């Protein structure tokens, strides 16, 4: 083990020209999307003055992701993933141009909702294509390193995007420039990805039928390691919704106002970025299953501690640790799912994985708000953290395979268990 750590190259993924293009394009793309997210909320509230319409904006983007999840996964597996990815991002770019044009018009808000529906539909395709594309340009032994660097780029975009978007809106007093910048980000992504050499493994193209569409469900159900990792992250995010309560904590509990809320919002992203860099430099995990369980358990514990805190500095520390734990979970789950999924199934499995995690984010915010409405924000956050710890215990008991899963750089196939002697496994 000592030899492997000494020879670990923390920049191994970045030494690949194709990954450098993907990493740069991905960060630019998400920077534009984070900027656009701020602009959409600002414009809708500016034009309608209605919190309900803000809810509609999330709903119309979420509906197509649910409606198209199975067909998007099938198309990702049946056709060249690079082309699917570029086609979906190009469609998203045209929708951003539509938002820019629409923001210069007066009248009904509903054309904007139609464009947001188109953005949600594009996302339903580019998310699984993007996830399934990465293993095709990065060798599996260094895949976790690529995921760590990719995660760090995403966190940079998450931290910088909203600030830059808000700044542009403040300077121009309009959301139009933000939409145009997002469209430009899409063009940059397409230019960078177009130069990546990608040859998809030739596979028999299955017919578009119910059996093919449902194959992803079947694989996840049969592969207990993948099922347990997805369930753990899904229910952890569903119950641990501390971030949804941040405005209440900033105003009424910690009494730090909007500036404090800004620091609180940034703290998880800073923690996640820091952990992503540490993971990239550390090398492949030796006990990935246990690490995933500990990370999600830590997520629940710091959520509960944040819930009872009345000290601003301590709360920031807990939110920093929350982001760090979440990043460990994301890197391990993403790597594990892609490593254990056969290439011909990656699109369908990635589509379902993205749906489960995305749904848990949306429902988690709703669950936290619902509990807070009846019992108050402290009970909502603390009970969510305790619930996450209970989920970790249940998953660890129900899925011993996850507890025993060893190295994170194992190729697809039977996982090497840390408590199992080496040799063929039945």
Protein backbone atom coordinates (compact mmCIF):
# COMPACT_ATOMS: atom_id res chain seq x y z
CA UNK A 1 0.00 0.00 0.00
CA UNK A 2 2.85 2.42 0.82
CA UNK A 3 4.35 1.96 -2.62
CA UNK A 4 1.06 2.77 -4.33
CA UNK A 5 0.70 5.99 -2.35
CA UNK A 6 4.25 7.08 -3.19
CA UNK A 7 3.71 6.52 -6.90
CA UNK A 8 0.26 8.12 -6.97
CA UNK A 9 0.13 11.01 -9.43
CA UNK A 10 -2.47 13.55 -8.23
CA UNK A 11 -2.50 15.18 -11.68
CA UNK A 12 -2.80 11.95 -13.67
CA UNK A 13 -6.21 12.82 -15.14
CA UNK A 14 -5.14 16.39 -15.98
CA UNK A 15 -2.22 15.01 -17.98
CA UNK A 16 -4.71 13.65 -20.51
CA UNK A 17 -5.43 16.23 -23.26
CA UNK A 18 -8.98 14.96 -23.67
CA UNK A 19 -9.78 15.31 -19.98
CA UNK A 20 -8.25 18.80 -19.85
CA UNK A 21 -10.65 19.85 -22.60
CA UNK A 22 -13.56 18.16 -20.83
CA UNK A 23 -12.64 19.64 -17.43
CA UNK A 24 -12.29 23.18 -18.82
CA UNK A 25 -15.48 22.96 -20.87
CA UNK A 26 -17.40 21.48 -17.98
CA UNK A 27 -16.35 24.26 -15.59
CA UNK A 28 -17.27 26.96 -18.11
CA UNK A 29 -20.61 25.29 -18.83
CA UNK A 30 -21.56 25.08 -15.16
CA UNK A 31 -20.38 28.62 -14.52
CA UNK A 32 -22.88 29.80 -17.15
CA UNK A 33 -25.64 27.58 -15.77
CA UNK A 34 -25.11 28.88 -12.22
CA UNK A 35 -25.23 32.45 -13.49
CA UNK A 36 -28.40 31.69 -15.42
CA UNK A 37 -30.02 30.14 -12.34
CA UNK A 38 -29.74 33.48 -10.53
CA UNK A 39 -31.02 35.38 -13.56
CA UNK A 40 -34.09 33.17 -13.95
CA UNK A 41 -35.15 33.66 -10.35
CA UNK A 42 -34.50 37.39 -10.45
CA UNK A 43 -36.39 37.97 -13.71
CA UNK A 44 -39.43 35.88 -12.76
CA UNK A 45 -39.82 37.62 -9.41
CA UNK A 46 -39.18 41.01 -11.01
CA UNK A 47 -41.90 40.41 -13.60
CA UNK A 48 -44.47 38.65 -11.42
CA UNK A 49 -43.71 39.51 -7.78
CA UNK A 50 -44.94 36.00 -6.97
CA UNK A 51 -43.16 33.34 -4.97
CA UNK A 52 -45.52 30.79 -6.53
CA UNK A 53 -44.16 31.58 -9.99
CA UNK A 54 -40.65 30.87 -8.69
CA UNK A 55 -41.93 27.43 -7.72
CA UNK A 56 -43.35 26.96 -11.21
CA UNK A 57 -39.89 27.68 -12.67
CA UNK A 58 -38.45 24.73 -10.80
CA UNK A 59 -41.40 22.52 -11.65
CA UNK A 60 -41.32 23.07 -15.43
CA UNK A 61 -37.61 22.20 -15.49
CA UNK A 62 -38.11 19.12 -13.33
CA UNK A 63 -41.07 17.58 -15.23
CA UNK A 64 -39.16 16.85 -18.48
CA UNK A 65 -36.28 15.32 -16.52
CA UNK A 66 -38.72 12.78 -15.06
CA UNK A 67 -40.66 12.31 -18.29
CA UNK A 68 -37.60 11.70 -20.49
CA UNK A 69 -35.33 9.84 -18.05
CA UNK A 70 -35.80 6.38 -19.57
CA UNK A 71 -35.66 7.41 -23.22
CA UNK A 72 -32.65 9.68 -22.54
CA UNK A 73 -30.77 6.79 -20.96
CA UNK A 74 -31.65 4.49 -23.86
CA UNK A 75 -30.50 7.02 -26.48
CA UNK A 76 -27.26 7.63 -24.56
CA UNK A 77 -26.50 3.90 -24.72
CA UNK A 78 -27.75 3.34 -28.26
CA UNK A 79 -25.94 6.24 -29.98
CA UNK A 80 -22.56 7.95 -29.83
CA UNK A 81 -22.42 9.65 -26.41
CA UNK A 82 -20.27 12.51 -27.59
CA UNK A 83 -22.87 13.41 -30.21
CA UNK A 84 -25.75 13.04 -27.75
CA UNK A 85 -23.92 15.26 -25.27
CA UNK A 86 -23.09 17.93 -27.83
CA UNK A 87 -26.60 17.85 -29.32
CA UNK A 88 -28.24 18.30 -25.91
CA UNK A 89 -25.89 21.13 -24.91
CA UNK A 90 -26.46 22.82 -28.29
CA UNK A 91 -30.23 22.63 -27.68
CA UNK A 92 -29.67 24.11 -24.21
CA UNK A 93 -27.62 26.92 -25.77
CA UNK A 94 -30.41 27.82 -28.18
CA UNK A 95 -32.86 27.87 -25.25
CA UNK A 96 -30.53 30.32 -23.44
CA UNK A 97 -30.58 32.57 -26.51
CA UNK A 98 -34.38 32.31 -26.39
CA UNK A 99 -34.36 33.45 -22.77
CA UNK A 100 -32.16 36.41 -23.76
CA UNK A 101 -34.62 37.44 -26.46
CA UNK A 102 -37.64 36.86 -24.21
CA UNK A 103 -36.15 39.03 -21.45
CA UNK A 104 -36.26 42.03 -23.81
CA UNK A 105 -39.99 41.54 -24.41
CA UNK A 106 -42.97 42.60 -22.34
CA UNK A 107 -46.13 40.58 -21.87
CA UNK A 108 -46.88 37.07 -20.73
CA UNK A 109 -44.44 35.11 -18.58
CA UNK A 110 -45.50 31.80 -20.12
CA UNK A 111 -43.07 31.83 -23.11
CA UNK A 112 -40.32 31.88 -20.50
CA UNK A 113 -41.78 28.76 -18.91
CA UNK A 114 -41.80 27.06 -22.32
CA UNK A 115 -38.08 27.84 -22.68
CA UNK A 116 -37.42 26.54 -19.16
CA UNK A 117 -39.21 23.32 -20.11
CA UNK A 118 -36.85 23.05 -23.10
CA UNK A 119 -33.86 23.57 -20.78
CA UNK A 120 -35.14 20.79 -18.50
CA UNK A 121 -35.57 18.49 -21.51
CA UNK A 122 -32.02 19.21 -22.68
CA UNK A 123 -30.73 18.51 -19.18
CA UNK A 124 -32.48 15.12 -19.18
CA UNK A 125 -30.22 14.12 -22.09
CA UNK A 126 -26.91 15.88 -21.40
CA UNK A 127 -26.68 14.72 -17.79
CA UNK A 128 -26.54 10.94 -18.50
CA UNK A 129 -24.53 11.49 -21.70
CA UNK A 130 -21.99 13.56 -19.78
CA UNK A 131 -21.70 10.95 -17.01
CA UNK A 132 -21.35 8.03 -19.44
CA UNK A 133 -18.94 9.95 -21.70
CA UNK A 134 -16.27 10.50 -19.03
CA UNK A 135 -15.25 6.80 -18.60
CA UNK A 136 -14.65 6.73 -22.35
CA UNK A 137 -11.89 9.35 -22.19
CA UNK A 138 -10.32 8.50 -18.80
CA UNK A 139 -8.81 5.08 -17.97
CA UNK A 140 -10.69 3.41 -15.13
CA UNK A 141 -7.61 3.10 -12.82
CA UNK A 142 -7.45 6.92 -12.57
CA UNK A 143 -11.19 7.55 -12.90
CA UNK A 144 -11.65 8.62 -9.26
CA UNK A 145 -8.89 11.20 -9.78
CA UNK A 146 -10.81 12.60 -12.76
CA UNK A 147 -14.04 12.71 -10.73
CA UNK A 148 -12.25 14.60 -7.93
CA UNK A 149 -10.86 17.22 -10.32
CA UNK A 150 -14.20 17.49 -12.09
CA UNK A 151 -15.90 18.04 -8.75
CA UNK A 152 -13.45 20.82 -7.88
CA UNK A 153 -14.30 22.58 -11.15
CA UNK A 154 -18.00 22.28 -10.41
CA UNK A 155 -17.50 23.81 -6.95
CA UNK A 156 -15.57 26.74 -8.43
CA UNK A 157 -18.51 27.36 -10.78
CA UNK A 158 -20.95 27.03 -7.88
CA UNK A 159 -19.07 29.63 -5.85
CA UNK A 160 -18.36 32.11 -8.66
CA UNK A 161 -21.42 31.73 -10.90
CA UNK A 162 -24.12 33.27 -8.67
CA UNK A 163 -21.84 36.16 -7.69
CA UNK A 164 -20.93 36.99 -11.31
CA UNK A 165 -24.56 36.59 -12.42
CA UNK A 166 -25.80 38.92 -9.70
CA UNK A 167 -23.07 41.45 -10.56
CA UNK A 168 -24.07 41.50 -14.24
CA UNK A 169 -27.73 41.94 -13.36
CA UNK A 170 -26.84 44.80 -11.02
CA UNK A 171 -24.66 46.56 -13.62
CA UNK A 172 -27.02 46.20 -16.59
CA UNK A 173 -30.30 46.10 -14.60
CA UNK A 174 -31.35 43.24 -16.84
CA UNK A 175 -31.02 39.47 -17.03
CA UNK A 176 -30.34 39.56 -20.78
CA UNK A 177 -26.51 39.74 -20.54
CA UNK A 178 -26.47 36.74 -18.19
CA UNK A 179 -28.42 34.59 -20.64
CA UNK A 180 -26.06 35.65 -23.43
CA UNK A 181 -23.01 34.74 -21.32
CA UNK A 182 -24.57 31.34 -20.61
CA UNK A 183 -25.13 30.80 -24.33
CA UNK A 184 -21.47 31.71 -24.93
CA UNK A 185 -20.46 29.22 -22.22
CA UNK A 186 -22.38 26.54 -24.12
CA UNK A 187 -20.51 27.42 -27.33
CA UNK A 188 -17.15 27.20 -25.51
CA UNK A 189 -18.10 23.79 -24.12
CA UNK A 190 -19.06 22.53 -27.58
CA UNK A 191 -15.81 23.84 -29.09
CA UNK A 192 -13.69 22.14 -26.44
CA UNK A 193 -15.53 18.81 -26.44
CA UNK A 194 -15.58 18.64 -30.24
CA UNK A 195 -11.78 18.30 -30.14
CA UNK A 196 -11.81 15.26 -27.84
CA UNK A 197 -11.09 11.94 -29.49
CA UNK A 198 -13.83 9.53 -28.47
CA UNK A 199 -14.53 6.09 -29.83
CA UNK A 200 -17.51 4.39 -28.28
CA UNK A 201 -17.31 0.63 -27.84
CA UNK A 202 -19.37 -1.02 -30.55
CA UNK A 203 -22.43 -2.68 -29.05
CA UNK A 204 -25.56 -4.22 -30.40
CA UNK A 205 -28.19 -1.48 -30.57
CA UNK A 206 -31.28 -2.63 -28.68
CA UNK A 207 -34.76 -1.80 -29.88
CA UNK A 208 -36.67 1.00 -28.19
CA UNK A 209 -39.11 -1.04 -26.13
CA UNK A 210 -40.22 -1.39 -22.53
CA UNK A 211 -37.62 -4.05 -21.78
CA UNK A 212 -34.77 -1.89 -23.02
CA UNK A 213 -36.07 1.20 -21.21
CA UNK A 214 -36.41 -0.69 -17.93
CA UNK A 215 -33.00 -2.41 -18.21
CA UNK A 216 -31.40 0.28 -16.06
CA UNK A 217 -33.79 -0.44 -13.19
CA UNK A 218 -33.06 -4.15 -13.51
CA UNK A 219 -29.31 -3.66 -13.40
CA UNK A 220 -29.43 -1.37 -10.36
CA UNK A 221 -31.74 -3.77 -8.52
CA UNK A 222 -29.50 -6.78 -9.20
CA UNK A 223 -26.23 -4.97 -8.45
CA UNK A 224 -26.49 -4.45 -4.71
CA UNK A 225 -23.37 -2.29 -4.46
CA UNK A 226 -24.79 0.20 -6.95
CA UNK A 227 -28.26 0.03 -5.38
CA UNK A 228 -26.92 0.62 -1.86
CA UNK A 229 -24.73 3.56 -2.92
CA UNK A 230 -27.62 5.26 -4.73
CA UNK A 231 -30.07 4.64 -1.88
CA UNK A 232 -27.60 5.92 0.69
CA UNK A 233 -26.99 9.19 -1.15
CA UNK A 234 -30.65 9.63 -2.12
CA UNK A 235 -32.05 9.32 1.39
CA UNK A 236 -29.11 11.17 2.92
CA UNK A 237 -29.83 14.21 0.72
CA UNK A 238 -33.60 13.80 1.18
CA UNK A 239 -33.41 14.00 4.97
CA UNK A 240 -30.36 16.21 5.48
CA UNK A 241 -31.84 19.39 4.00
CA UNK A 242 -30.08 21.95 6.22
CA UNK A 243 -29.32 24.28 3.29
CA UNK A 244 -33.03 24.86 2.64
CA UNK A 245 -33.36 26.37 6.13
CA UNK A 246 -30.37 28.73 5.80
CA UNK A 247 -32.44 31.93 5.27
CA UNK A 248 -34.37 31.27 8.50
CA UNK A 249 -31.18 30.55 10.44
CA UNK A 250 -29.46 33.65 9.08
CA UNK A 251 -32.35 35.98 9.93
CA UNK A 252 -34.04 34.58 13.03
CA UNK A 253 -31.60 32.24 14.82
CA UNK A 254 -28.05 33.42 14.11
CA UNK A 255 -29.21 36.98 13.34
CA UNK A 256 -26.49 37.67 10.78
CA UNK A 257 -28.64 39.10 7.98
CA UNK A 258 -28.12 38.75 4.22
CA UNK A 259 -24.34 39.09 4.42
CA UNK A 260 -24.17 36.22 6.87
CA UNK A 261 -26.48 34.23 4.61
CA UNK A 262 -24.00 34.76 1.78
CA UNK A 263 -21.19 33.31 3.90
CA UNK A 264 -23.39 30.41 4.96
CA UNK A 265 -24.31 29.66 1.35
CA UNK A 266 -20.64 29.68 0.32
CA UNK A 267 -19.36 27.53 3.21
CA UNK A 268 -20.52 24.09 1.88
CA UNK A 269 -19.05 24.87 -1.55
CA UNK A 270 -15.71 25.86 0.02
CA UNK A 271 -15.72 22.65 2.06
CA UNK A 272 -16.54 20.55 -1.00
CA UNK A 273 -13.85 22.25 -3.10
CA UNK A 274 -11.24 21.71 -0.39
CA UNK A 275 -12.15 18.04 -0.06
CA UNK A 276 -12.12 17.56 -3.83
CA UNK A 277 -8.52 18.80 -3.97
CA UNK A 278 -7.54 16.59 -1.03
CA UNK A 279 -9.07 13.53 -2.68
CA UNK A 280 -7.32 14.25 -5.97
CA UNK A 281 -3.96 14.37 -4.18
CA UNK A 282 -4.62 11.48 -1.82
CA UNK A 283 -5.06 8.66 -4.31
CA UNK A 284 -7.65 5.87 -4.63
CA UNK A 285 -9.48 4.95 -1.43
CA UNK A 286 -8.58 1.56 0.03
CA UNK A 287 -11.88 1.05 1.88
CA UNK A 288 -14.34 2.90 -0.33
CA UNK A 289 -17.52 1.31 1.05
CA UNK A 290 -16.76 2.15 4.65
CA UNK A 291 -15.60 5.62 3.65
CA UNK A 292 -18.93 6.26 1.89
CA UNK A 293 -20.87 5.15 4.98
CA UNK A 294 -18.72 7.32 7.28
CA UNK A 295 -19.04 10.33 4.94
CA UNK A 296 -22.85 10.17 4.78
CA UNK A 297 -22.95 9.52 8.54
CA UNK A 298 -20.74 12.59 9.02
CA UNK A 299 -23.10 14.55 6.78
CA UNK A 300 -25.98 13.65 9.10
CA UNK A 301 -24.01 14.41 12.26
CA UNK A 302 -22.84 17.89 11.19
CA UNK A 303 -26.37 18.63 9.94
CA UNK A 304 -27.75 17.93 13.42
CA UNK A 305 -24.98 20.00 15.05
CA UNK A 306 -25.69 22.90 12.70
CA UNK A 307 -29.36 22.60 13.66
CA UNK A 308 -28.72 23.22 17.37
CA UNK A 309 -26.04 25.89 16.89
CA UNK A 310 -26.59 29.52 17.88
CA UNK A 311 -22.98 30.54 17.18
CA UNK A 312 -22.25 31.89 13.71
CA UNK A 313 -18.62 30.72 13.54
CA UNK A 314 -19.53 27.21 14.69
CA UNK A 315 -22.38 27.09 12.17
CA UNK A 316 -20.00 28.06 9.36
CA UNK A 317 -17.64 25.29 10.47
CA UNK A 318 -20.44 22.72 10.38
CA UNK A 319 -21.52 23.87 6.92
CA UNK A 320 -17.90 23.62 5.73
CA UNK A 321 -17.74 20.02 7.03
CA UNK A 322 -21.15 19.30 5.49
CA UNK A 323 -19.80 20.26 2.06
CA UNK A 324 -16.65 18.19 2.64
CA UNK A 325 -18.65 15.09 3.61
CA UNK A 326 -20.98 15.58 0.67
CA UNK A 327 -18.04 15.77 -1.74
CA UNK A 328 -16.59 12.48 -0.45
CA UNK A 329 -20.00 10.89 -0.99
CA UNK A 330 -20.33 12.31 -4.52
CA UNK A 331 -16.85 11.19 -5.62
CA UNK A 332 -17.19 7.68 -4.16
CA UNK A 333 -20.74 7.13 -5.47
CA UNK A 334 -20.00 8.51 -8.94
CA UNK A 335 -16.83 6.44 -9.27
CA UNK A 336 -18.38 3.29 -7.85
CA UNK A 337 -21.46 3.46 -10.10
CA UNK A 338 -19.41 4.03 -13.26
CA UNK A 339 -16.79 1.39 -12.36
CA UNK A 340 -19.36 -1.34 -11.69
CA UNK A 341 -21.66 -0.55 -14.62
CA UNK A 342 -20.90 -2.20 -17.99
CA UNK A 343 -20.26 0.34 -20.72
CA UNK A 344 -23.38 -0.64 -22.68
CA UNK A 345 -25.54 0.19 -19.61
CA UNK A 346 -23.90 3.41 -18.43
CA UNK A 347 -26.37 5.77 -20.09
CA UNK A 348 -29.47 4.19 -18.58
CA UNK A 349 -27.92 3.75 -15.14
CA UNK A 350 -26.54 7.31 -15.15
CA UNK A 351 -29.96 8.69 -16.12
CA UNK A 352 -31.64 6.93 -13.19
CA UNK A 353 -28.84 7.84 -10.80
CA UNK A 354 -29.18 11.49 -11.77
CA UNK A 355 -32.95 11.35 -11.40
CA UNK A 356 -32.80 9.81 -7.92
CA UNK A 357 -30.28 12.35 -6.63
CA UNK A 358 -32.01 15.30 -8.34
CA UNK A 359 -35.40 14.27 -7.02
CA UNK A 360 -34.04 13.90 -3.50
CA UNK A 361 -32.65 17.46 -3.67
CA UNK A 362 -36.04 18.88 -4.66
CA UNK A 363 -38.05 16.73 -2.26
CA UNK A 364 -35.49 17.29 0.51
CA UNK A 365 -36.09 21.05 0.41
CA UNK A 366 -39.85 20.40 0.46
CA UNK A 367 -39.56 17.93 3.37
CA UNK A 368 -37.46 20.37 5.39
CA UNK A 369 -39.92 23.19 4.78
CA UNK A 370 -42.90 20.99 5.64
CA UNK A 371 -41.42 19.83 8.97
CA UNK A 372 -40.30 23.39 9.77
CA UNK A 373 -43.83 24.63 9.12
CA UNK A 374 -45.25 22.28 11.77
CA UNK A 375 -42.43 22.03 14.33
CA UNK A 376 -39.98 24.84 13.58
CA UNK A 377 -36.64 25.00 11.72
CA UNK A 378 -34.50 23.54 14.53
CA UNK A 379 -36.59 20.38 14.76
CA UNK A 380 -36.58 20.14 10.95
CA UNK A 381 -32.78 20.29 10.63
CA UNK A 382 -31.91 18.18 13.69
CA UNK A 383 -34.46 15.46 12.88
CA UNK A 384 -33.16 15.38 9.31
CA UNK A 385 -29.60 14.84 10.54
CA UNK A 386 -30.69 12.09 12.91
CA UNK A 387 -32.75 10.52 10.14
CA UNK A 388 -29.65 10.46 7.91
CA UNK A 389 -27.70 8.63 10.62
CA UNK A 390 -30.52 6.08 10.87
CA UNK A 391 -30.42 5.57 7.09
CA UNK A 392 -26.64 4.95 7.24
CA UNK A 393 -27.12 2.31 9.95
CA UNK A 394 -29.92 0.64 7.95
CA UNK A 395 -27.95 0.58 4.69
CA UNK A 396 -24.83 -0.75 6.45
CA UNK A 397 -26.92 -3.58 7.96
CA UNK A 398 -28.96 -4.43 4.85
CA UNK A 399 -26.02 -4.27 2.40
CA UNK A 400 -22.89 -5.91 3.86
CA UNK A 401 -21.42 -5.78 0.33
CA UNK A 402 -21.05 -2.02 0.70
CA UNK A 403 -19.29 -2.33 4.06
CA UNK A 404 -16.78 -4.75 2.55
CA UNK A 405 -16.12 -2.89 -0.71
CA UNK A 406 -12.42 -2.15 -1.00
CA UNK A 407 -10.37 -0.20 -3.52
CA UNK A 408 -12.08 2.48 -5.56
CA UNK A 409 -10.03 1.86 -8.70
CA UNK A 410 -11.30 -1.69 -9.35
CA UNK A 411 -12.54 -2.31 -12.92
CA UNK A 412 -16.15 -3.19 -13.64
CA UNK A 413 -17.03 -6.70 -12.55
CA UNK A 414 -17.09 -8.50 -9.22
CA UNK A 415 -15.91 -6.05 -6.56
CA UNK A 416 -12.90 -6.93 -4.48
CA UNK A 417 -14.07 -7.14 -0.87
CA UNK A 418 -11.62 -6.12 1.82
CA UNK A 419 -12.60 -9.02 4.08
CA UNK A 420 -12.64 -11.62 1.33
CA UNK A 421 -9.56 -13.67 0.32
CA UNK A 422 -8.22 -13.00 -3.14
CA UNK A 423 -9.36 -15.34 -5.88
CA UNK A 424 -12.41 -16.11 -8.01
CA UNK A 425 -15.75 -15.29 -6.45
CA UNK A 426 -19.02 -16.97 -7.14
